[in-house]
Amino acid sequence: MARLQYVVLAEYARVDASGLLTVVGAGFDRIAVNALPSQIPLACAMRVQLTESEKDARLSVSLRPPSGVGLRMDTVLAAPTDAKPHKGLVGVAFAATFGLPVSSPGTYTFEVSVNDERSDDISFEVEVQRPPEQADA
């Protein structure tokens, strides 16, 4: 049965043609913006493990903002045809990098489901941080 191995938020992420996942600027749980509404660069990266007998898995990622309308992304992750299982499992990486509209401060949560079963969630806080006042010269 397919399962989520990990999920991480980052500034940038991609999967190359060989299936290698590259992640840059990962591990944050807080983003400061100068004003709202705003748009922030964000990436969501994960790895799903399939059993040797599975050909693919349905992946669903839903964003739940503190207010307003959420977003949802659905895709099918397919095992590479030349995959070599490790301990009976085949890892398939996924990455999406996008500009995320943020309209209010608070907790933004990504909920991840594999084959319609909730697997994990990851969240971050958006804060409004006003630039410091300029001193008169």
Protein backbone atom coordinates (compact mmCIF):
# COMPACT_ATOMS: atom_id res chain seq x y z
CA MET A 1 0.00 0.00 0.00
CA ALA A 2 1.40 3.40 -1.03
CA ARG A 3 2.44 5.72 1.77
CA LEU A 4 3.87 9.19 2.20
CA GLN A 5 7.50 9.01 3.29
CA TYR A 6 7.98 12.76 3.85
CA VAL A 7 6.68 16.21 2.96
CA VAL A 8 8.58 19.51 3.26
CA LEU A 9 7.92 23.15 2.44
CA ALA A 10 10.68 25.11 0.74
CA GLU A 11 11.52 28.18 -1.29
CA TYR A 12 12.10 26.02 -4.39
CA ALA A 13 11.83 22.35 -5.34
CA ARG A 14 11.94 20.28 -8.53
CA VAL A 15 12.16 16.69 -9.72
CA ASP A 16 14.51 16.06 -12.64
CA ALA A 17 14.04 13.55 -15.46
CA SER A 18 15.81 10.81 -13.47
CA GLY A 19 13.52 11.31 -10.47
CA LEU A 20 16.06 13.15 -8.30
CA LEU A 21 14.44 15.68 -5.97
CA THR A 22 16.20 19.02 -5.42
CA VAL A 23 14.99 21.21 -2.54
CA VAL A 24 16.29 24.70 -1.65
CA GLY A 25 15.46 26.75 1.44
CA ALA A 26 13.50 24.09 3.32
CA GLY A 27 12.54 23.81 6.96
CA PHE A 28 10.78 27.08 7.73
CA ASP A 29 7.54 27.44 9.67
CA ARG A 30 7.11 31.23 9.51
CA ILE A 31 6.97 33.74 6.64
CA ALA A 32 6.95 37.51 7.13
CA VAL A 33 5.35 39.78 4.53
CA ASN A 34 5.38 43.58 4.40
CA ALA A 35 1.68 43.90 3.56
CA LEU A 36 -1.44 41.88 2.81
CA PRO A 37 -2.67 40.71 0.42
CA SER A 38 0.58 39.40 -0.97
CA GLN A 39 2.04 36.56 -2.97
CA ILE A 40 4.90 34.41 -1.70
CA PRO A 41 7.13 31.95 -3.56
CA LEU A 42 6.57 28.50 -2.11
CA ALA A 43 7.35 24.90 -2.95
CA CYS A 44 5.93 21.66 -1.64
CA ALA A 45 8.12 18.57 -2.01
CA MET A 46 7.41 15.00 -1.01
CA ARG A 47 8.25 11.37 -1.61
CA VAL A 48 5.71 8.58 -1.82
CA GLN A 49 6.67 4.94 -1.49
CA LEU A 50 4.85 2.36 -3.61
CA THR A 51 4.99 -1.39 -3.09
CA GLU A 52 6.58 -3.36 -5.93
CA SER A 53 3.15 -4.46 -7.15
CA GLU A 54 1.72 -0.92 -7.33
CA LYS A 55 1.97 0.96 -10.61
CA ASP A 56 0.85 4.34 -9.28
CA ALA A 57 -0.76 6.27 -6.44
CA ARG A 58 -3.21 9.18 -6.30
CA LEU A 59 -1.76 12.20 -4.54
CA SER A 60 -3.89 15.06 -3.27
CA VAL A 61 -2.54 18.23 -1.65
CA SER A 62 -5.03 20.69 -0.16
CA LEU A 63 -4.19 24.11 1.23
CA ARG A 64 -6.31 25.33 4.12
CA PRO A 65 -5.74 29.07 4.73
CA PRO A 66 -6.80 30.79 7.98
CA SER A 67 -9.66 32.44 6.04
CA GLY A 68 -10.99 32.53 2.51
CA VAL A 69 -10.94 29.87 -0.17
CA GLY A 70 -8.45 27.01 -0.12
CA LEU A 71 -6.65 25.34 -3.01
CA ARG A 72 -6.41 21.70 -4.05
CA MET A 73 -4.04 19.88 -6.36
CA ASP A 74 -4.54 16.28 -7.49
CA THR A 75 -2.15 14.14 -9.51
CA VAL A 76 -1.18 10.54 -10.10
CA LEU A 77 2.37 9.50 -9.25
CA ALA A 78 3.55 6.63 -11.44
CA ALA A 79 6.39 4.27 -10.64
CA PRO A 80 9.19 4.64 -13.20
CA THR A 81 9.25 1.74 -15.66
CA ASP A 82 12.93 1.10 -14.86
CA ALA A 83 12.52 1.43 -11.07
CA LYS A 84 14.61 -0.86 -8.92
CA PRO A 85 12.82 -1.54 -5.62
CA HIS A 86 14.64 -1.05 -2.35
CA LYS A 87 13.35 -3.25 0.49
CA GLY A 88 10.29 -4.01 -1.62
CA LEU A 89 9.40 -0.33 -2.17
CA VAL A 90 9.73 2.14 -5.04
CA GLY A 91 10.14 5.82 -4.15
CA VAL A 92 8.51 8.47 -6.33
CA ALA A 93 9.33 12.15 -5.74
CA PHE A 94 6.93 15.04 -6.33
CA ALA A 95 7.52 18.79 -6.28
CA ALA A 96 5.45 21.87 -7.06
CA THR A 97 6.80 25.43 -6.96
CA PHE A 98 4.32 28.29 -7.26
CA GLY A 99 3.35 31.77 -6.15
CA LEU A 100 0.94 31.39 -3.24
CA PRO A 101 -1.55 34.20 -2.67
CA VAL A 102 -1.85 35.08 1.03
CA SER A 103 -4.66 37.35 2.15
CA SER A 104 -4.54 37.18 5.93
CA PRO A 105 -2.12 36.45 8.74
CA GLY A 106 -2.32 33.10 10.50
CA THR A 107 -1.72 29.42 9.92
CA TYR A 108 -1.69 27.99 6.40
CA THR A 109 -1.88 24.18 6.36
CA PHE A 110 -1.13 21.76 3.54
CA GLU A 111 -2.98 18.45 3.96
CA VAL A 112 -1.58 15.49 2.02
CA SER A 113 -3.56 12.39 1.06
CA VAL A 114 -2.34 9.29 -0.74
CA ASN A 115 -4.99 7.09 -2.39
CA ASP A 116 -7.71 9.09 -0.61
CA GLU A 117 -6.25 8.43 2.86
CA ARG A 118 -5.04 11.41 4.88
CA SER A 119 -1.30 10.92 5.30
CA ASP A 120 0.15 14.05 6.88
CA ASP A 121 -0.04 17.80 7.07
CA ILE A 122 2.50 20.60 7.25
CA SER A 123 1.87 24.22 8.13
CA PHE A 124 3.45 27.63 8.38
CA GLU A 125 2.53 31.00 9.87
CA VAL A 126 2.16 34.20 7.87
CA GLU A 127 2.93 37.40 9.78
CA VAL A 128 2.82 41.02 8.72
CA GLN A 129 6.15 42.61 9.52
CA ARG A 130 6.29 46.31 8.93
CA PRO A 131 9.68 47.67 7.83
CA PRO A 132 11.45 49.67 10.54
CA GLU A 133 10.89 53.43 10.45
CA GLN A 134 13.60 55.34 8.63
CA ALA A 135 15.49 57.77 10.86
CA ASP A 136 15.69 61.37 9.71
CA ALA A 137 19.16 62.19 8.42
